[in-house]
PDB file of N, CA and C in Angstrom:
ATOM      1  N   MET A   1      96.339 129.415  93.302  1.00  0.00           N
ATOM      2  CA  MET A   1      95.796 128.133  92.894  1.00  0.00           C
ATOM      3  C   MET A   1      95.734 128.037  91.381  1.00  0.00           C
ATOM      4  N   ASN A   2      95.568 129.123  90.700  1.00  0.00           N
ATOM      5  CA  ASN A   2      95.538 129.098  89.240  1.00  0.00           C
ATOM      6  C   ASN A   2      96.872 128.682  88.648  1.00  0.00           C
ATOM      7  N   THR A   3      97.955 128.938  89.360  1.00  0.00           N
ATOM      8  CA  THR A   3      99.266 128.567  88.835  1.00  0.00           C
ATOM      9  C   THR A   3      99.451 127.056  88.838  1.00  0.00           C
ATOM     10  N   LEU A   4      98.727 126.330  89.679  1.00  0.00           N
ATOM     11  CA  LEU A   4      98.837 124.880  89.699  1.00  0.00           C
ATOM     12  C   LEU A   4      98.088 124.232  88.540  1.00  0.00           C
ATOM     13  N   LEU A   5      97.161 124.938  87.957  1.00  0.00           N
ATOM     14  CA  LEU A   5      96.324 124.373  86.910  1.00  0.00           C
ATOM     15  C   LEU A   5      96.722 124.854  85.525  1.00  0.00           C
ATOM     16  N   PHE A   6      97.941 125.358  85.359  1.00  0.00           N
ATOM     17  CA  PHE A   6      98.355 125.900  84.072  1.00  0.00           C
ATOM     18  C   PHE A   6      98.457 124.833  82.989  1.00  0.00           C
ATOM     19  N   LEU A   7      98.578 123.579  83.348  1.00  0.00           N
ATOM     20  CA  LEU A   7      98.710 122.528  82.345  1.00  0.00           C
ATOM     21  C   LEU A   7      97.420 122.314  81.560  1.00  0.00           C
ATOM     22  N   GLY A   8      96.292 122.691  82.102  1.00  0.00           N
ATOM     23  CA  GLY A   8      95.025 122.530  81.413  1.00  0.00           C
ATOM     24  C   GLY A   8      94.840 123.496  80.267  1.00  0.00           C
ATOM     25  N   ASN A   9      95.681 124.529  80.183  1.00  0.00           N
ATOM     26  CA  ASN A   9      95.534 125.535  79.145  1.00  0.00           C
ATOM     27  C   ASN A   9      96.487 125.322  77.976  1.00  0.00           C
ATOM     28  N   LEU A  10      97.059 124.147  77.835  1.00  0.00           N
ATOM     29  CA  LEU A  10      97.964 123.881  76.724  1.00  0.00           C
ATOM     30  C   LEU A  10      97.169 123.663  75.447  1.00  0.00           C
ATOM     31  N   GLY A  11      97.613 124.314  74.396  1.00  0.00           N
ATOM     32  CA  GLY A  11      96.976 124.128  73.100  1.00  0.00           C
ATOM     33  C   GLY A  11      97.770 123.169  72.249  1.00  0.00           C
ATOM     34  N   THR A  12      97.304 122.973  71.029  1.00  0.00           N
ATOM     35  CA  THR A  12      97.959 122.047  70.123  1.00  0.00           C
ATOM     36  C   THR A  12      99.380 122.495  69.797  1.00  0.00           C
ATOM     37  N   GLY A  13      99.569 123.782  69.579  1.00  0.00           N
ATOM     38  CA  GLY A  13     100.891 124.291  69.253  1.00  0.00           C
ATOM     39  C   GLY A  13     101.898 124.059  70.355  1.00  0.00           C
ATOM     40  N   GLU A  14     101.478 124.302  71.594  1.00  0.00           N
ATOM     41  CA  GLU A  14     102.377 124.088  72.718  1.00  0.00           C
ATOM     42  C   GLU A  14     102.735 122.618  72.878  1.00  0.00           C
ATOM     43  N   ILE A  15     101.774 121.743  72.665  1.00  0.00           N
ATOM     44  CA  ILE A  15     102.031 120.309  72.795  1.00  0.00           C
ATOM     45  C   ILE A  15     103.003 119.847  71.718  1.00  0.00           C
ATOM     46  N   ILE A  16     102.858 120.363  70.504  1.00  0.00           N
ATOM     47  CA  ILE A  16     103.778 120.005  69.415  1.00  0.00           C
ATOM     48  C   ILE A  16     105.184 120.484  69.728  1.00  0.00           C
ATOM     49  N   ILE A  17     105.320 121.694  70.252  1.00  0.00           N
ATOM     50  CA  ILE A  17     106.641 122.228  70.605  1.00  0.00           C
ATOM     51  C   ILE A  17     107.283 121.382  71.697  1.00  0.00           C
ATOM     52  N   ILE A  18     106.508 121.006  72.711  1.00  0.00           N
ATOM     53  CA  ILE A  18     107.033 120.161  73.791  1.00  0.00           C
ATOM     54  C   ILE A  18     107.467 118.807  73.234  1.00  0.00           C
ATOM     55  N   ALA A  19     106.678 118.225  72.328  1.00  0.00           N
ATOM     56  CA  ALA A  19     107.025 116.930  71.737  1.00  0.00           C
ATOM     57  C   ALA A  19     108.323 117.027  70.946  1.00  0.00           C
ATOM     58  N   ILE A  20     108.509 118.111  70.206  1.00  0.00           N
ATOM     59  CA  ILE A  20     109.738 118.286  69.426  1.00  0.00           C
ATOM     60  C   ILE A  20     110.941 118.433  70.354  1.00  0.00           C
ATOM     61  N   VAL A  21     110.788 119.187  71.433  1.00  0.00           N
ATOM     62  CA  VAL A  21     111.896 119.359  72.380  1.00  0.00           C
ATOM     63  C   VAL A  21     112.256 118.024  73.029  1.00  0.00           C
ATOM     64  N   VAL A  22     111.256 117.246  73.416  1.00  0.00           N
ATOM     65  CA  VAL A  22     111.517 115.932  74.014  1.00  0.00           C
ATOM     66  C   VAL A  22     112.215 115.032  73.008  1.00  0.00           C
ATOM     67  N   LEU A  23     111.778 115.069  71.759  1.00  0.00           N
ATOM     68  CA  LEU A  23     112.408 114.257  70.717  1.00  0.00           C
ATOM     69  C   LEU A  23     113.861 114.655  70.516  1.00  0.00           C
ATOM     70  N   LEU A  24     114.135 115.945  70.541  1.00  0.00           N
ATOM     71  CA  LEU A  24     115.511 116.406  70.380  1.00  0.00           C
ATOM     72  C   LEU A  24     116.386 116.040  71.577  1.00  0.00           C
ATOM     73  N   LEU A  25     115.818 116.104  72.783  1.00  0.00           N
ATOM     74  CA  LEU A  25     116.599 115.812  73.986  1.00  0.00           C
ATOM     75  C   LEU A  25     116.921 114.328  74.129  1.00  0.00           C
ATOM     76  N   PHE A  26     115.938 113.477  73.882  1.00  0.00           N
ATOM     77  CA  PHE A  26     116.104 112.053  74.162  1.00  0.00           C
ATOM     78  C   PHE A  26     116.366 111.215  72.930  1.00  0.00           C
ATOM     79  N   GLY A  27     116.016 111.686  71.765  1.00  0.00           N
ATOM     80  CA  GLY A  27     116.212 110.904  70.552  1.00  0.00           C
ATOM     81  C   GLY A  27     115.084 109.912  70.336  1.00  0.00           C
ATOM     82  N   GLY A  28     114.965 109.438  69.130  1.00  0.00           N
ATOM     83  CA  GLY A  28     113.868 108.542  68.755  1.00  0.00           C
ATOM     84  C   GLY A  28     113.941 107.173  69.383  1.00  0.00           C
ATOM     85  N   LYS A  29     115.150 106.703  69.689  1.00  0.00           N
ATOM     86  CA  LYS A  29     115.290 105.352  70.236  1.00  0.00           C
ATOM     87  C   LYS A  29     115.022 105.295  71.734  1.00  0.00           C
ATOM     88  N   LYS A  30     115.245 106.381  72.438  1.00  0.00           N
ATOM     89  CA  LYS A  30     115.085 106.383  73.893  1.00  0.00           C
ATOM     90  C   LYS A  30     113.630 106.577  74.316  1.00  0.00           C
ATOM     91  N   ILE A  31     112.818 107.236  73.510  1.00  0.00           N
ATOM     92  CA  ILE A  31     111.450 107.558  73.912  1.00  0.00           C
ATOM     93  C   ILE A  31     110.620 106.302  74.191  1.00  0.00           C
ATOM     94  N   PRO A  32     110.641 105.260  73.328  1.00  0.00           N
ATOM     95  CA  PRO A  32     109.868 104.048  73.684  1.00  0.00           C
ATOM     96  C   PRO A  32     110.324 103.407  74.992  1.00  0.00           C
ATOM     97  N   GLU A  33     111.635 103.451  75.254  1.00  0.00           N
ATOM     98  CA  GLU A  33     112.134 102.903  76.518  1.00  0.00           C
ATOM     99  C   GLU A  33     111.624 103.716  77.698  1.00  0.00           C
ATOM    100  N   LEU A  34     111.599 105.033  77.547  1.00  0.00           N
ATOM    101  CA  LEU A  34     111.089 105.889  78.619  1.00  0.00           C
ATOM    102  C   LEU A  34     109.609 105.639  78.867  1.00  0.00           C
ATOM    103  N   MET A  35     108.833 105.493  77.803  1.00  0.00           N
ATOM    104  CA  MET A  35     107.401 105.255  77.954  1.00  0.00           C
ATOM    105  C   MET A  35     107.129 103.888  78.565  1.00  0.00           C
ATOM    106  N   LYS A  36     107.947 102.897  78.213  1.00  0.00           N
ATOM    107  CA  LYS A  36     107.797 101.566  78.803  1.00  0.00           C
ATOM    108  C   LYS A  36     108.057 101.622  80.304  1.00  0.00           C
ATOM    109  N   GLY A  37     109.099 102.332  80.688  1.00  0.00           N
ATOM    110  CA  GLY A  37     109.403 102.488  82.111  1.00  0.00           C
ATOM    111  C   GLY A  37     108.316 103.249  82.842  1.00  0.00           C
ATOM    112  N   LEU A  38     107.765 104.273  82.188  1.00  0.00           N
ATOM    113  CA  LEU A  38     106.682 105.042  82.790  1.00  0.00           C
ATOM    114  C   LEU A  38     105.445 104.175  82.978  1.00  0.00           C
ATOM    115  N   GLY A  39     105.144 103.356  81.972  1.00  0.00           N
ATOM    116  CA  GLY A  39     103.999 102.449  82.071  1.00  0.00           C
ATOM    117  C   GLY A  39     104.151 101.441  83.197  1.00  0.00           C
ATOM    118  N   LYS A  40     105.362 100.899  83.346  1.00  0.00           N
ATOM    119  CA  LYS A  40     105.610  99.956  84.441  1.00  0.00           C
ATOM    120  C   LYS A  40     105.465 100.644  85.791  1.00  0.00           C
ATOM    121  N   GLY A  41     105.934 101.887  85.871  1.00  0.00           N
ATOM    122  CA  GLY A  41     105.805 102.628  87.125  1.00  0.00           C
ATOM    123  C   GLY A  41     104.354 102.884  87.492  1.00  0.00           C
ATOM    124  N   VAL A  42     103.552 103.249  86.510  1.00  0.00           N
ATOM    125  CA  VAL A  42     102.124 103.491  86.757  1.00  0.00           C
ATOM    126  C   VAL A  42     101.441 102.192  87.166  1.00  0.00           C
ATOM    127  N   LYS A  43     101.779 101.089  86.502  1.00  0.00           N
ATOM    128  CA  LYS A  43     101.175  99.799  86.844  1.00  0.00           C
ATOM    129  C   LYS A  43     101.534  99.394  88.270  1.00  0.00           C
ATOM    130  N   ASN A  44     102.800  99.567  88.655  1.00  0.00           N
ATOM    131  CA  ASN A  44     103.220  99.235  90.013  1.00  0.00           C
ATOM    132  C   ASN A  44     102.514 100.114  91.040  1.00  0.00           C
ATOM    133  N   PHE A  45     102.325 101.385  90.707  1.00  0.00           N
ATOM    134  CA  PHE A  45     101.631 102.292  91.616  1.00  0.00           C
ATOM    135  C   PHE A  45     100.181 101.860  91.799  1.00  0.00           C
ATOM    136  N   LYS A  46      99.507 101.521  90.699  1.00  0.00           N
ATOM    137  CA  LYS A  46      98.112 101.073  90.795  1.00  0.00           C
ATOM    138  C   LYS A  46      98.007  99.773  91.588  1.00  0.00           C
ATOM    139  N   ASP A  47      98.949  98.842  91.359  1.00  0.00           N
ATOM    140  CA  ASP A  47      98.940  97.593  92.116  1.00  0.00           C
ATOM    141  C   ASP A  47      99.149  97.856  93.607  1.00  0.00           C
ATOM    142  N   GLY A  48     100.024  98.796  93.917  1.00  0.00           N
ATOM    143  CA  GLY A  48     100.260  99.147  95.317  1.00  0.00           C
ATOM    144  C   GLY A  48      99.039  99.767  95.969  1.00  0.00           C
ATOM    145  N   VAL A  49      98.358 100.646  95.237  1.00  0.00           N
ATOM    146  CA  VAL A  49      97.143 101.271  95.774  1.00  0.00           C
ATOM    147  C   VAL A  49      96.064 100.218  95.980  1.00  0.00           C
ATOM    148  N   ASN A  50      95.908  99.310  95.010  1.00  0.00           N
ATOM    149  CA  ASN A  50      94.902  98.247  95.159  1.00  0.00           C
ATOM    150  C   ASN A  50      95.249  97.323  96.318  1.00  0.00           C
ATOM    151  N   GLY A  51      96.517  97.017  96.496  1.00  0.00           N
ATOM    152  CA  GLY A  51      96.928  96.180  97.619  1.00  0.00           C
ATOM    153  C   GLY A  51      96.664  96.860  98.951  1.00  0.00           C
ATOM    154  N   LEU A  52      96.905  98.169  98.997  1.00  0.00           N
ATOM    155  CA  LEU A  52      96.640  98.921 100.216  1.00  0.00           C
ATOM    156  C   LEU A  52      95.147  98.946 100.523  1.00  0.00           C
ATOM    157  N   GLU A  53      94.318  99.132  99.478  1.00  0.00           N
ATOM    158  CA  GLU A  53      92.867  99.111  99.682  1.00  0.00           C
ATOM    159  C   GLU A  53      92.406  97.746 100.161  1.00  0.00           C
ATOM    160  N   ASP A  54      93.000  96.678  99.600  1.00  0.00           N
ATOM    161  CA  ASP A  54      92.644  95.330 100.043  1.00  0.00           C
ATOM    162  C   ASP A  54      93.026  95.119 101.499  1.00  0.00           C
ATOM    163  N   ASP A  55      94.204  95.613 101.898  1.00  0.00           N
ATOM    164  CA  ASP A  55      94.624  95.489 103.291  1.00  0.00           C
ATOM    165  C   ASP A  55      93.685  96.248 104.214  1.00  0.00           C
ATOM    166  N   ILE A  56      93.292  97.447 103.812  1.00  0.00           N
ATOM    167  CA  ILE A  56      92.383  98.251 104.641  1.00  0.00           C
ATOM    168  C   ILE A  56      91.028  97.572 104.736  1.00  0.00           C
ATOM    169  N   ASN A  57      90.505  97.102 103.624  1.00  0.00           N
ATOM    170  CA  ASN A  57      89.202  96.434 103.628  1.00  0.00           C
ATOM    171  C   ASN A  57      89.268  95.116 104.380  1.00  0.00           C
ATOM    172  N   GLY A  58      90.377  94.408 104.288  1.00  0.00           N
ATOM    173  CA  GLY A  58      90.522  93.123 104.979  1.00  0.00           C
ATOM    174  C   GLY A  58      90.575  93.308 106.477  1.00  0.00           C
ATOM    175  N   THR A  59      91.266  94.331 106.967  1.00  0.00           N
ATOM    176  CA  THR A  59      91.351  94.555 108.408  1.00  0.00           C
ATOM    177  C   THR A  59      90.040  95.112 108.948  1.00  0.00           C
ATOM    178  N   SER A  60      89.326  95.893 108.152  1.00  0.00           N
ATOM    179  CA  SER A  60      88.065  96.446 108.643  1.00  0.00           C
ATOM    180  C   SER A  60      87.008  95.359 108.747  1.00  0.00           C
ATOM    181  N   THR A  61      87.029  94.358 107.840  1.00  0.00           N
ATOM    182  CA  THR A  61      86.057  93.261 107.944  1.00  0.00           C
ATOM    183  C   THR A  61      86.433  92.313 109.061  1.00  0.00           C
ATOM    184  N   ASP A  62      87.749  92.176 109.364  1.00  0.00           N
ATOM    185  CA  ASP A  62      88.167  91.314 110.467  1.00  0.00           C
ATOM    186  C   ASP A  62      87.729  91.905 111.803  1.00  0.00           C
ATOM    187  N   ASN A  63      87.733  93.217 111.939  1.00  0.00           N
ATOM    188  CA  ASN A  63      87.353  93.863 113.198  1.00  0.00           C
ATOM    189  C   ASN A  63      85.859  93.747 113.454  1.00  0.00           C
ATOM    190  N   LYS A  64      85.047  93.627 112.382  1.00  0.00           N
ATOM    191  CA  LYS A  64      83.591  93.569 112.545  1.00  0.00           C
ATOM    192  C   LYS A  64      83.135  92.216 113.033  1.00  0.00           C
ATOM    193  N   GLN A  65      83.919  91.159 112.825  1.00  0.00           N
ATOM    194  CA  GLN A  65      83.461  89.823 113.184  1.00  0.00           C
ATOM    195  C   GLN A  65      83.609  89.550 114.628  1.00  0.00           C
TER     196      GLN A  65
END
């Protein structure tokens, strides 16, 4: 189980090294596009979860009446 939580032990140096590697791999122009796509994906996921919760809550209130 400790191997799953290794990301919590990252220090400043490791984060800087990872950022430099990402910058070298994708370039400066691609990173904003990647982050925009990631943001849209997270927003769609949250909207889907909220819609699912609304569906669950809507059907549970319909059954009570």
